Amino acid sequence: MSSRLFTEVREKRGLAYRISAGRGEYSDAGEIAVTGGVNNKRFEEALKVVIQELGKLKDDLVSAGELQKAKEILRGNIVLRLETTPGTCDWFLEQELLERKIETPEEKLKKIDAVTAEDVRDVARELFVSEGLNLALIGPFPNPEKFRPLLKI
């Protein structure tokens, strides 16, 4: 609830009831998805703000504090996940299936600690490109094509 998207889209502008970003990993591809519950009448504005926030990751370095907070959240999620049998099983199965290589939690945590603000910016520049953006809408949108020109980052 303190992510950039949550702060900018929900708290500052009141454009969404919920907003979040996540990732999906597959054997041959992956995804980064932003999902939200947005008032249909303000959807265009919300979409512009989301695109703008993603663009900031390409253009600006995240602050040391923001990077540290993100690392702590990620570390905490890993540790909590490994406290359950299904979570531990998933941890090792995903690695075996997707990467054919097993990393211990300690090895993964070291890699997380090594990430720099420049690394974040470099990955954002690689992934957040107009050609890769897609949009799925649920709701009464008589002319969804009007949103296509907004999918530029």
N, C-alpha and C. Protein backbone atom coordinates (compact mmCIF):
# COMPACT_ATOMS: atom_id res chain seq x y z
N MET A 1 0.81 -1.20 0.00
CA MET A 1 0.00 0.00 0.00
C MET A 1 0.84 1.26 0.00
N SER A 2 2.14 1.10 -0.15
CA SER A 2 2.97 2.30 -0.22
C SER A 2 3.78 2.32 -1.50
N SER A 3 3.37 1.53 -2.48
CA SER A 3 4.09 1.52 -3.74
C SER A 3 3.89 2.84 -4.46
N ARG A 4 4.73 3.07 -5.44
CA ARG A 4 4.60 4.28 -6.26
C ARG A 4 3.21 4.35 -6.88
N LEU A 5 2.76 3.24 -7.44
CA LEU A 5 1.46 3.24 -8.09
C LEU A 5 0.34 3.53 -7.10
N PHE A 6 0.38 2.87 -5.95
CA PHE A 6 -0.66 3.07 -4.95
C PHE A 6 -0.68 4.53 -4.50
N THR A 7 0.49 5.07 -4.22
CA THR A 7 0.57 6.45 -3.74
C THR A 7 0.06 7.42 -4.80
N GLU A 8 0.52 7.28 -6.03
CA GLU A 8 0.18 8.25 -7.07
C GLU A 8 -1.24 8.07 -7.59
N VAL A 9 -1.64 6.83 -7.85
CA VAL A 9 -2.94 6.58 -8.47
C VAL A 9 -4.08 6.64 -7.46
N ARG A 10 -3.88 6.03 -6.31
CA ARG A 10 -4.98 5.98 -5.34
C ARG A 10 -4.95 7.12 -4.35
N GLU A 11 -3.82 7.27 -3.64
CA GLU A 11 -3.79 8.24 -2.56
C GLU A 11 -3.82 9.68 -3.05
N LYS A 12 -2.96 10.01 -4.00
CA LYS A 12 -2.87 11.41 -4.44
C LYS A 12 -4.03 11.82 -5.35
N ARG A 13 -4.44 10.91 -6.24
CA ARG A 13 -5.41 11.29 -7.27
C ARG A 13 -6.79 10.65 -7.10
N GLY A 14 -6.89 9.63 -6.25
CA GLY A 14 -8.18 8.98 -6.05
C GLY A 14 -8.75 8.33 -7.30
N LEU A 15 -7.88 7.78 -8.14
CA LEU A 15 -8.31 7.22 -9.42
C LEU A 15 -8.68 5.74 -9.35
N ALA A 16 -8.32 5.06 -8.29
CA ALA A 16 -8.55 3.62 -8.22
C ALA A 16 -8.84 3.21 -6.79
N TYR A 17 -9.66 2.17 -6.67
CA TYR A 17 -9.87 1.58 -5.36
C TYR A 17 -8.68 0.72 -4.99
N ARG A 18 -8.17 0.00 -5.97
CA ARG A 18 -6.97 -0.79 -5.75
C ARG A 18 -6.10 -0.70 -6.99
N ILE A 19 -4.81 -0.79 -6.78
CA ILE A 19 -3.85 -0.74 -7.88
C ILE A 19 -2.61 -1.52 -7.43
N SER A 20 -2.08 -2.35 -8.29
CA SER A 20 -0.89 -3.11 -7.92
C SER A 20 -0.16 -3.55 -9.18
N ALA A 21 1.06 -3.96 -8.99
CA ALA A 21 1.88 -4.49 -10.07
C ALA A 21 2.46 -5.82 -9.61
N GLY A 22 2.63 -6.71 -10.55
CA GLY A 22 3.20 -8.02 -10.23
C GLY A 22 3.85 -8.60 -11.45
N ARG A 23 4.38 -9.78 -11.29
CA ARG A 23 5.07 -10.43 -12.39
C ARG A 23 4.64 -11.88 -12.49
N GLY A 24 4.81 -12.41 -13.68
CA GLY A 24 4.57 -13.83 -13.92
C GLY A 24 5.77 -14.39 -14.65
N GLU A 25 6.17 -15.56 -14.25
CA GLU A 25 7.34 -16.20 -14.88
C GLU A 25 6.90 -17.51 -15.50
N TYR A 26 7.35 -17.73 -16.73
CA TYR A 26 7.01 -18.94 -17.45
C TYR A 26 8.28 -19.52 -18.04
N SER A 27 8.21 -20.71 -18.57
CA SER A 27 9.42 -21.34 -19.08
C SER A 27 9.97 -20.61 -20.30
N ASP A 28 9.12 -19.95 -21.07
CA ASP A 28 9.60 -19.30 -22.30
C ASP A 28 9.30 -17.81 -22.37
N ALA A 29 8.71 -17.25 -21.33
CA ALA A 29 8.34 -15.83 -21.36
C ALA A 29 8.05 -15.36 -19.94
N GLY A 30 7.66 -14.14 -19.85
CA GLY A 30 7.27 -13.58 -18.56
C GLY A 30 6.36 -12.39 -18.78
N GLU A 31 5.89 -11.84 -17.68
CA GLU A 31 5.02 -10.68 -17.77
C GLU A 31 5.20 -9.78 -16.56
N ILE A 32 4.97 -8.53 -16.78
CA ILE A 32 4.82 -7.57 -15.70
C ILE A 32 3.43 -6.99 -15.91
N ALA A 33 2.58 -7.10 -14.92
CA ALA A 33 1.20 -6.66 -15.07
C ALA A 33 0.84 -5.64 -14.01
N VAL A 34 0.15 -4.62 -14.43
CA VAL A 34 -0.43 -3.64 -13.51
C VAL A 34 -1.93 -3.88 -13.56
N THR A 35 -2.53 -4.08 -12.40
CA THR A 35 -3.97 -4.29 -12.33
C THR A 35 -4.57 -3.29 -11.37
N GLY A 36 -5.81 -2.95 -11.65
CA GLY A 36 -6.46 -1.99 -10.77
C GLY A 36 -7.96 -2.01 -10.92
N GLY A 37 -8.60 -1.55 -9.89
CA GLY A 37 -10.03 -1.32 -9.91
C GLY A 37 -10.24 0.17 -10.07
N VAL A 38 -10.62 0.59 -11.26
CA VAL A 38 -10.67 2.00 -11.61
C VAL A 38 -12.08 2.38 -12.05
N ASN A 39 -12.52 3.54 -11.65
CA ASN A 39 -13.79 4.08 -12.12
C ASN A 39 -13.71 4.23 -13.64
N ASN A 40 -14.65 3.66 -14.36
CA ASN A 40 -14.62 3.70 -15.83
C ASN A 40 -14.54 5.12 -16.36
N LYS A 41 -15.15 6.06 -15.69
CA LYS A 41 -15.15 7.44 -16.17
C LYS A 41 -13.78 8.10 -16.03
N ARG A 42 -12.93 7.55 -15.19
CA ARG A 42 -11.61 8.14 -14.98
C ARG A 42 -10.49 7.21 -15.44
N PHE A 43 -10.86 6.20 -16.23
CA PHE A 43 -9.88 5.21 -16.64
C PHE A 43 -8.75 5.81 -17.47
N GLU A 44 -9.09 6.68 -18.40
CA GLU A 44 -8.07 7.26 -19.27
C GLU A 44 -7.02 8.00 -18.45
N GLU A 45 -7.46 8.76 -17.47
CA GLU A 45 -6.54 9.48 -16.59
C GLU A 45 -5.66 8.50 -15.81
N ALA A 46 -6.28 7.44 -15.29
CA ALA A 46 -5.52 6.45 -14.52
C ALA A 46 -4.47 5.77 -15.39
N LEU A 47 -4.85 5.43 -16.62
CA LEU A 47 -3.91 4.79 -17.53
C LEU A 47 -2.71 5.71 -17.81
N LYS A 48 -2.96 6.97 -18.02
CA LYS A 48 -1.88 7.93 -18.26
C LYS A 48 -0.93 8.00 -17.08
N VAL A 49 -1.47 7.99 -15.86
CA VAL A 49 -0.63 8.07 -14.67
C VAL A 49 0.21 6.80 -14.53
N VAL A 50 -0.37 5.64 -14.78
CA VAL A 50 0.38 4.38 -14.69
C VAL A 50 1.53 4.40 -15.69
N ILE A 51 1.26 4.77 -16.92
CA ILE A 51 2.31 4.83 -17.94
C ILE A 51 3.40 5.81 -17.52
N GLN A 52 2.99 6.94 -16.98
CA GLN A 52 3.94 7.96 -16.52
C GLN A 52 4.84 7.40 -15.41
N GLU A 53 4.26 6.68 -14.48
CA GLU A 53 5.04 6.11 -13.38
C GLU A 53 6.03 5.06 -13.88
N LEU A 54 5.62 4.24 -14.83
CA LEU A 54 6.54 3.27 -15.41
C LEU A 54 7.68 3.98 -16.14
N GLY A 55 7.34 5.05 -16.83
CA GLY A 55 8.36 5.83 -17.54
C GLY A 55 9.38 6.43 -16.60
N LYS A 56 8.96 6.82 -15.41
CA LYS A 56 9.91 7.38 -14.44
C LYS A 56 10.99 6.37 -14.08
N LEU A 57 10.62 5.10 -14.03
CA LEU A 57 11.62 4.07 -13.72
C LEU A 57 12.68 3.96 -14.81
N LYS A 58 12.30 4.30 -16.04
CA LYS A 58 13.25 4.29 -17.15
C LYS A 58 14.16 5.51 -17.12
N ASP A 59 13.64 6.61 -16.65
CA ASP A 59 14.34 7.89 -16.75
C ASP A 59 15.14 8.26 -15.50
N ASP A 60 14.63 7.91 -14.34
CA ASP A 60 15.21 8.36 -13.08
C ASP A 60 15.68 7.17 -12.24
N LEU A 61 16.73 7.39 -11.49
CA LEU A 61 17.18 6.37 -10.55
C LEU A 61 16.25 6.36 -9.33
N VAL A 62 15.91 5.17 -8.86
CA VAL A 62 15.15 5.09 -7.62
C VAL A 62 16.06 5.55 -6.48
N SER A 63 15.47 6.11 -5.46
CA SER A 63 16.28 6.59 -4.34
C SER A 63 16.84 5.40 -3.56
N ALA A 64 17.87 5.67 -2.81
CA ALA A 64 18.47 4.62 -1.97
C ALA A 64 17.45 4.08 -0.98
N GLY A 65 16.64 4.95 -0.42
CA GLY A 65 15.62 4.52 0.54
C GLY A 65 14.56 3.65 -0.09
N GLU A 66 14.11 4.04 -1.28
CA GLU A 66 13.09 3.26 -1.98
C GLU A 66 13.63 1.90 -2.38
N LEU A 67 14.87 1.87 -2.84
CA LEU A 67 15.49 0.60 -3.21
C LEU A 67 15.64 -0.31 -2.00
N GLN A 68 16.08 0.26 -0.89
CA GLN A 68 16.25 -0.54 0.31
C GLN A 68 14.91 -1.10 0.80
N LYS A 69 13.88 -0.28 0.75
CA LYS A 69 12.55 -0.72 1.16
C LYS A 69 12.06 -1.87 0.28
N ALA A 70 12.27 -1.74 -1.04
CA ALA A 70 11.86 -2.79 -1.97
C ALA A 70 12.61 -4.09 -1.69
N LYS A 71 13.89 -3.98 -1.41
CA LYS A 71 14.69 -5.17 -1.09
C LYS A 71 14.18 -5.83 0.18
N GLU A 72 13.87 -5.03 1.18
CA GLU A 72 13.38 -5.59 2.45
C GLU A 72 12.04 -6.30 2.26
N ILE A 73 11.17 -5.72 1.46
CA ILE A 73 9.88 -6.36 1.19
C ILE A 73 10.08 -7.68 0.46
N LEU A 74 10.93 -7.67 -0.55
CA LEU A 74 11.21 -8.88 -1.31
C LEU A 74 11.84 -9.95 -0.42
N ARG A 75 12.80 -9.55 0.39
CA ARG A 75 13.44 -10.49 1.32
C ARG A 75 12.40 -11.08 2.28
N GLY A 76 11.56 -10.22 2.81
CA GLY A 76 10.53 -10.67 3.75
C GLY A 76 9.57 -11.65 3.11
N ASN A 77 9.19 -11.38 1.86
CA ASN A 77 8.28 -12.28 1.15
C ASN A 77 8.91 -13.65 0.95
N ILE A 78 10.20 -13.66 0.62
CA ILE A 78 10.89 -14.93 0.43
C ILE A 78 10.95 -15.71 1.73
N VAL A 79 11.34 -15.05 2.79
CA VAL A 79 11.44 -15.72 4.09
C VAL A 79 10.08 -16.26 4.54
N LEU A 80 9.03 -15.45 4.39
CA LEU A 80 7.69 -15.91 4.78
C LEU A 80 7.23 -17.08 3.92
N ARG A 81 7.52 -17.02 2.65
CA ARG A 81 7.14 -18.10 1.74
C ARG A 81 7.77 -19.42 2.16
N LEU A 82 9.02 -19.35 2.58
CA LEU A 82 9.75 -20.56 2.93
C LEU A 82 9.39 -21.12 4.30
N GLU A 83 8.51 -20.44 5.02
CA GLU A 83 8.08 -20.94 6.33
C GLU A 83 6.98 -21.99 6.23
N THR A 84 6.46 -22.20 5.02
CA THR A 84 5.42 -23.21 4.84
C THR A 84 5.94 -24.31 3.93
N THR A 85 5.41 -25.50 4.12
CA THR A 85 5.81 -26.62 3.27
C THR A 85 5.44 -26.37 1.81
N PRO A 86 4.20 -25.92 1.52
CA PRO A 86 3.89 -25.64 0.11
C PRO A 86 4.76 -24.53 -0.48
N GLY A 87 5.07 -23.53 0.31
CA GLY A 87 5.92 -22.44 -0.18
C GLY A 87 7.33 -22.92 -0.49
N THR A 88 7.88 -23.75 0.37
CA THR A 88 9.21 -24.31 0.13
C THR A 88 9.21 -25.20 -1.10
N CYS A 89 8.18 -26.01 -1.21
CA CYS A 89 8.05 -26.89 -2.37
C CYS A 89 7.98 -26.05 -3.65
N ASP A 90 7.16 -25.02 -3.65
CA ASP A 90 7.04 -24.14 -4.82
C ASP A 90 8.38 -23.49 -5.15
N TRP A 91 9.09 -23.05 -4.13
CA TRP A 91 10.39 -22.38 -4.32
C TRP A 91 11.31 -23.24 -5.18
N PHE A 92 11.46 -24.50 -4.79
CA PHE A 92 12.39 -25.38 -5.48
C PHE A 92 11.82 -25.89 -6.81
N LEU A 93 10.53 -26.18 -6.86
CA LEU A 93 9.93 -26.66 -8.11
C LEU A 93 9.97 -25.60 -9.21
N GLU A 94 9.65 -24.36 -8.87
CA GLU A 94 9.69 -23.28 -9.87
C GLU A 94 11.09 -23.14 -10.47
N GLN A 95 12.08 -23.20 -9.61
CA GLN A 95 13.46 -23.06 -10.12
C GLN A 95 13.84 -24.22 -11.02
N GLU A 96 13.48 -25.41 -10.60
CA GLU A 96 13.81 -26.58 -11.41
C GLU A 96 13.08 -26.54 -12.75
N LEU A 97 11.80 -26.20 -12.72
CA LEU A 97 11.02 -26.18 -13.96
C LEU A 97 11.40 -25.03 -14.88
N LEU A 98 11.61 -23.84 -14.31
CA LEU A 98 11.83 -22.65 -15.13
C LEU A 98 13.30 -22.43 -15.49
N GLU A 99 14.20 -22.79 -14.60
CA GLU A 99 15.59 -22.46 -14.82
C GLU A 99 16.52 -23.66 -14.91
N ARG A 100 16.02 -24.82 -14.50
CA ARG A 100 16.85 -26.02 -14.47
C ARG A 100 18.09 -25.84 -13.59
N LYS A 101 17.95 -24.99 -12.59
CA LYS A 101 19.06 -24.71 -11.68
C LYS A 101 18.44 -24.30 -10.35
N ILE A 102 18.95 -24.85 -9.27
CA ILE A 102 18.42 -24.55 -7.95
C ILE A 102 19.34 -23.56 -7.25
N GLU A 103 18.74 -22.49 -6.77
CA GLU A 103 19.44 -21.49 -5.96
C GLU A 103 18.93 -21.59 -4.53
N THR A 104 19.84 -21.57 -3.60
CA THR A 104 19.39 -21.58 -2.21
C THR A 104 18.80 -20.21 -1.87
N PRO A 105 17.98 -20.16 -0.85
CA PRO A 105 17.47 -18.85 -0.43
C PRO A 105 18.59 -17.86 -0.13
N GLU A 106 19.66 -18.33 0.47
CA GLU A 106 20.78 -17.44 0.78
C GLU A 106 21.41 -16.86 -0.48
N GLU A 107 21.55 -17.69 -1.51
CA GLU A 107 22.10 -17.21 -2.77
C GLU A 107 21.18 -16.15 -3.40
N LYS A 108 19.88 -16.40 -3.36
CA LYS A 108 18.92 -15.45 -3.92
C LYS A 108 18.95 -14.14 -3.15
N LEU A 109 19.03 -14.21 -1.82
CA LEU A 109 19.06 -13.00 -1.00
C LEU A 109 20.31 -12.18 -1.27
N LYS A 110 21.44 -12.83 -1.51
CA LYS A 110 22.68 -12.11 -1.86
C LYS A 110 22.51 -11.37 -3.18
N LYS A 111 21.85 -12.00 -4.14
CA LYS A 111 21.62 -11.34 -5.43
C LYS A 111 20.71 -10.12 -5.26
N ILE A 112 19.72 -10.25 -4.42
CA ILE A 112 18.81 -9.12 -4.16
C ILE A 112 19.60 -7.98 -3.54
N ASP A 113 20.43 -8.29 -2.58
CA ASP A 113 21.24 -7.26 -1.93
C ASP A 113 22.17 -6.55 -2.89
N ALA A 114 22.58 -7.24 -3.95
CA ALA A 114 23.55 -6.67 -4.90
C ALA A 114 22.90 -5.74 -5.94
N VAL A 115 21.59 -5.73 -6.02
CA VAL A 115 20.90 -4.90 -7.03
C VAL A 115 21.12 -3.43 -6.72
N THR A 116 21.43 -2.65 -7.77
CA THR A 116 21.64 -1.22 -7.63
C THR A 116 20.51 -0.45 -8.30
N ALA A 117 20.46 0.83 -8.02
CA ALA A 117 19.46 1.70 -8.67
C ALA A 117 19.69 1.70 -10.18
N GLU A 118 20.92 1.65 -10.60
CA GLU A 118 21.23 1.60 -12.03
C GLU A 118 20.71 0.32 -12.65
N ASP A 119 20.80 -0.80 -11.92
CA ASP A 119 20.26 -2.07 -12.41
C ASP A 119 18.75 -1.95 -12.65
N VAL A 120 18.06 -1.33 -11.71
CA VAL A 120 16.60 -1.15 -11.83
C VAL A 120 16.29 -0.32 -13.07
N ARG A 121 17.00 0.77 -13.25
CA ARG A 121 16.77 1.63 -14.41
C ARG A 121 17.06 0.87 -15.71
N ASP A 122 18.16 0.12 -15.73
CA ASP A 122 18.53 -0.61 -16.95
C ASP A 122 17.46 -1.65 -17.32
N VAL A 123 16.94 -2.36 -16.34
CA VAL A 123 15.90 -3.35 -16.62
C VAL A 123 14.62 -2.65 -17.06
N ALA A 124 14.27 -1.54 -16.43
CA ALA A 124 13.09 -0.79 -16.84
C ALA A 124 13.23 -0.33 -18.30
N ARG A 125 14.40 0.11 -18.67
CA ARG A 125 14.63 0.56 -20.06
C ARG A 125 14.49 -0.59 -21.04
N GLU A 126 14.87 -1.77 -20.60
CA GLU A 126 14.76 -2.94 -21.48
C GLU A 126 13.32 -3.43 -21.60
N LEU A 127 12.59 -3.41 -20.50
CA LEU A 127 11.26 -4.01 -20.49
C LEU A 127 10.12 -3.05 -20.82
N PHE A 128 10.21 -1.82 -20.38
CA PHE A 128 9.11 -0.88 -20.56
C PHE A 128 9.27 -0.15 -21.89
N VAL A 129 8.82 -0.80 -22.93
CA VAL A 129 8.87 -0.24 -24.27
C VAL A 129 7.46 -0.28 -24.86
N SER A 130 7.16 0.68 -25.69
CA SER A 130 5.81 0.79 -26.26
C SER A 130 5.38 -0.49 -26.97
N GLU A 131 6.31 -1.13 -27.67
CA GLU A 131 5.98 -2.33 -28.44
C GLU A 131 5.51 -3.47 -27.55
N GLY A 132 5.85 -3.45 -26.30
CA GLY A 132 5.49 -4.55 -25.42
C GLY A 132 4.25 -4.31 -24.57
N LEU A 133 3.64 -3.15 -24.71
CA LEU A 133 2.49 -2.84 -23.87
C LEU A 133 1.20 -3.41 -24.45
N ASN A 134 0.40 -3.98 -23.57
CA ASN A 134 -0.91 -4.51 -23.92
C ASN A 134 -1.91 -4.02 -22.89
N LEU A 135 -3.16 -4.01 -23.25
CA LEU A 135 -4.20 -3.52 -22.36
C LEU A 135 -5.40 -4.43 -22.42
N ALA A 136 -5.88 -4.85 -21.27
CA ALA A 136 -7.11 -5.63 -21.18
C ALA A 136 -8.09 -4.83 -20.33
N LEU A 137 -9.30 -4.70 -20.82
CA LEU A 137 -10.32 -3.91 -20.14
C LEU A 137 -11.53 -4.77 -19.82
N ILE A 138 -12.10 -4.53 -18.66
CA ILE A 138 -13.38 -5.14 -18.31
C ILE A 138 -14.31 -4.00 -17.97
N GLY A 139 -15.39 -3.94 -18.65
CA GLY A 139 -16.34 -2.86 -18.38
C GLY A 139 -17.00 -2.39 -19.65
N PRO A 140 -17.92 -1.50 -19.51
CA PRO A 140 -18.60 -0.97 -20.69
C PRO A 140 -17.77 0.15 -21.32
N PHE A 141 -16.95 -0.23 -22.27
CA PHE A 141 -16.15 0.74 -23.02
C PHE A 141 -16.58 0.67 -24.48
N PRO A 142 -17.45 1.58 -24.90
CA PRO A 142 -17.97 1.50 -26.27
C PRO A 142 -16.89 1.64 -27.34
N ASN A 143 -15.80 2.34 -27.02
CA ASN A 143 -14.74 2.55 -28.01
C ASN A 143 -13.38 2.30 -27.37
N PRO A 144 -13.04 1.03 -27.09
CA PRO A 144 -11.75 0.76 -26.44
C PRO A 144 -10.54 1.13 -27.29
N GLU A 145 -10.71 1.24 -28.59
CA GLU A 145 -9.61 1.61 -29.48
C GLU A 145 -9.05 3.00 -29.16
N LYS A 146 -9.84 3.84 -28.51
CA LYS A 146 -9.36 5.19 -28.21
C LYS A 146 -8.21 5.16 -27.21
N PHE A 147 -8.03 4.02 -26.51
CA PHE A 147 -6.95 3.91 -25.53
C PHE A 147 -5.63 3.48 -26.17
N ARG A 148 -5.68 2.90 -27.35
CA ARG A 148 -4.46 2.39 -27.99
C ARG A 148 -3.37 3.47 -28.13
N PRO A 149 -3.71 4.69 -28.54
CA PRO A 149 -2.65 5.71 -28.66
C PRO A 149 -1.98 6.07 -27.32
N LEU A 150 -2.64 5.74 -26.21
CA LEU A 150 -2.06 6.05 -24.90
C LEU A 150 -1.00 5.04 -24.49
N LEU A 151 -0.93 3.91 -25.18
CA LEU A 151 0.02 2.85 -24.81
C LEU A 151 1.40 3.13 -25.39
N LYS A 152 1.97 4.20 -24.93
CA LYS A 152 3.32 4.60 -25.35
C LYS A 152 4.11 4.97 -24.11
N ILE A 153 5.27 4.41 -24.03
CA ILE A 153 6.09 4.67 -22.84
C ILE A 153 7.48 5.12 -23.26
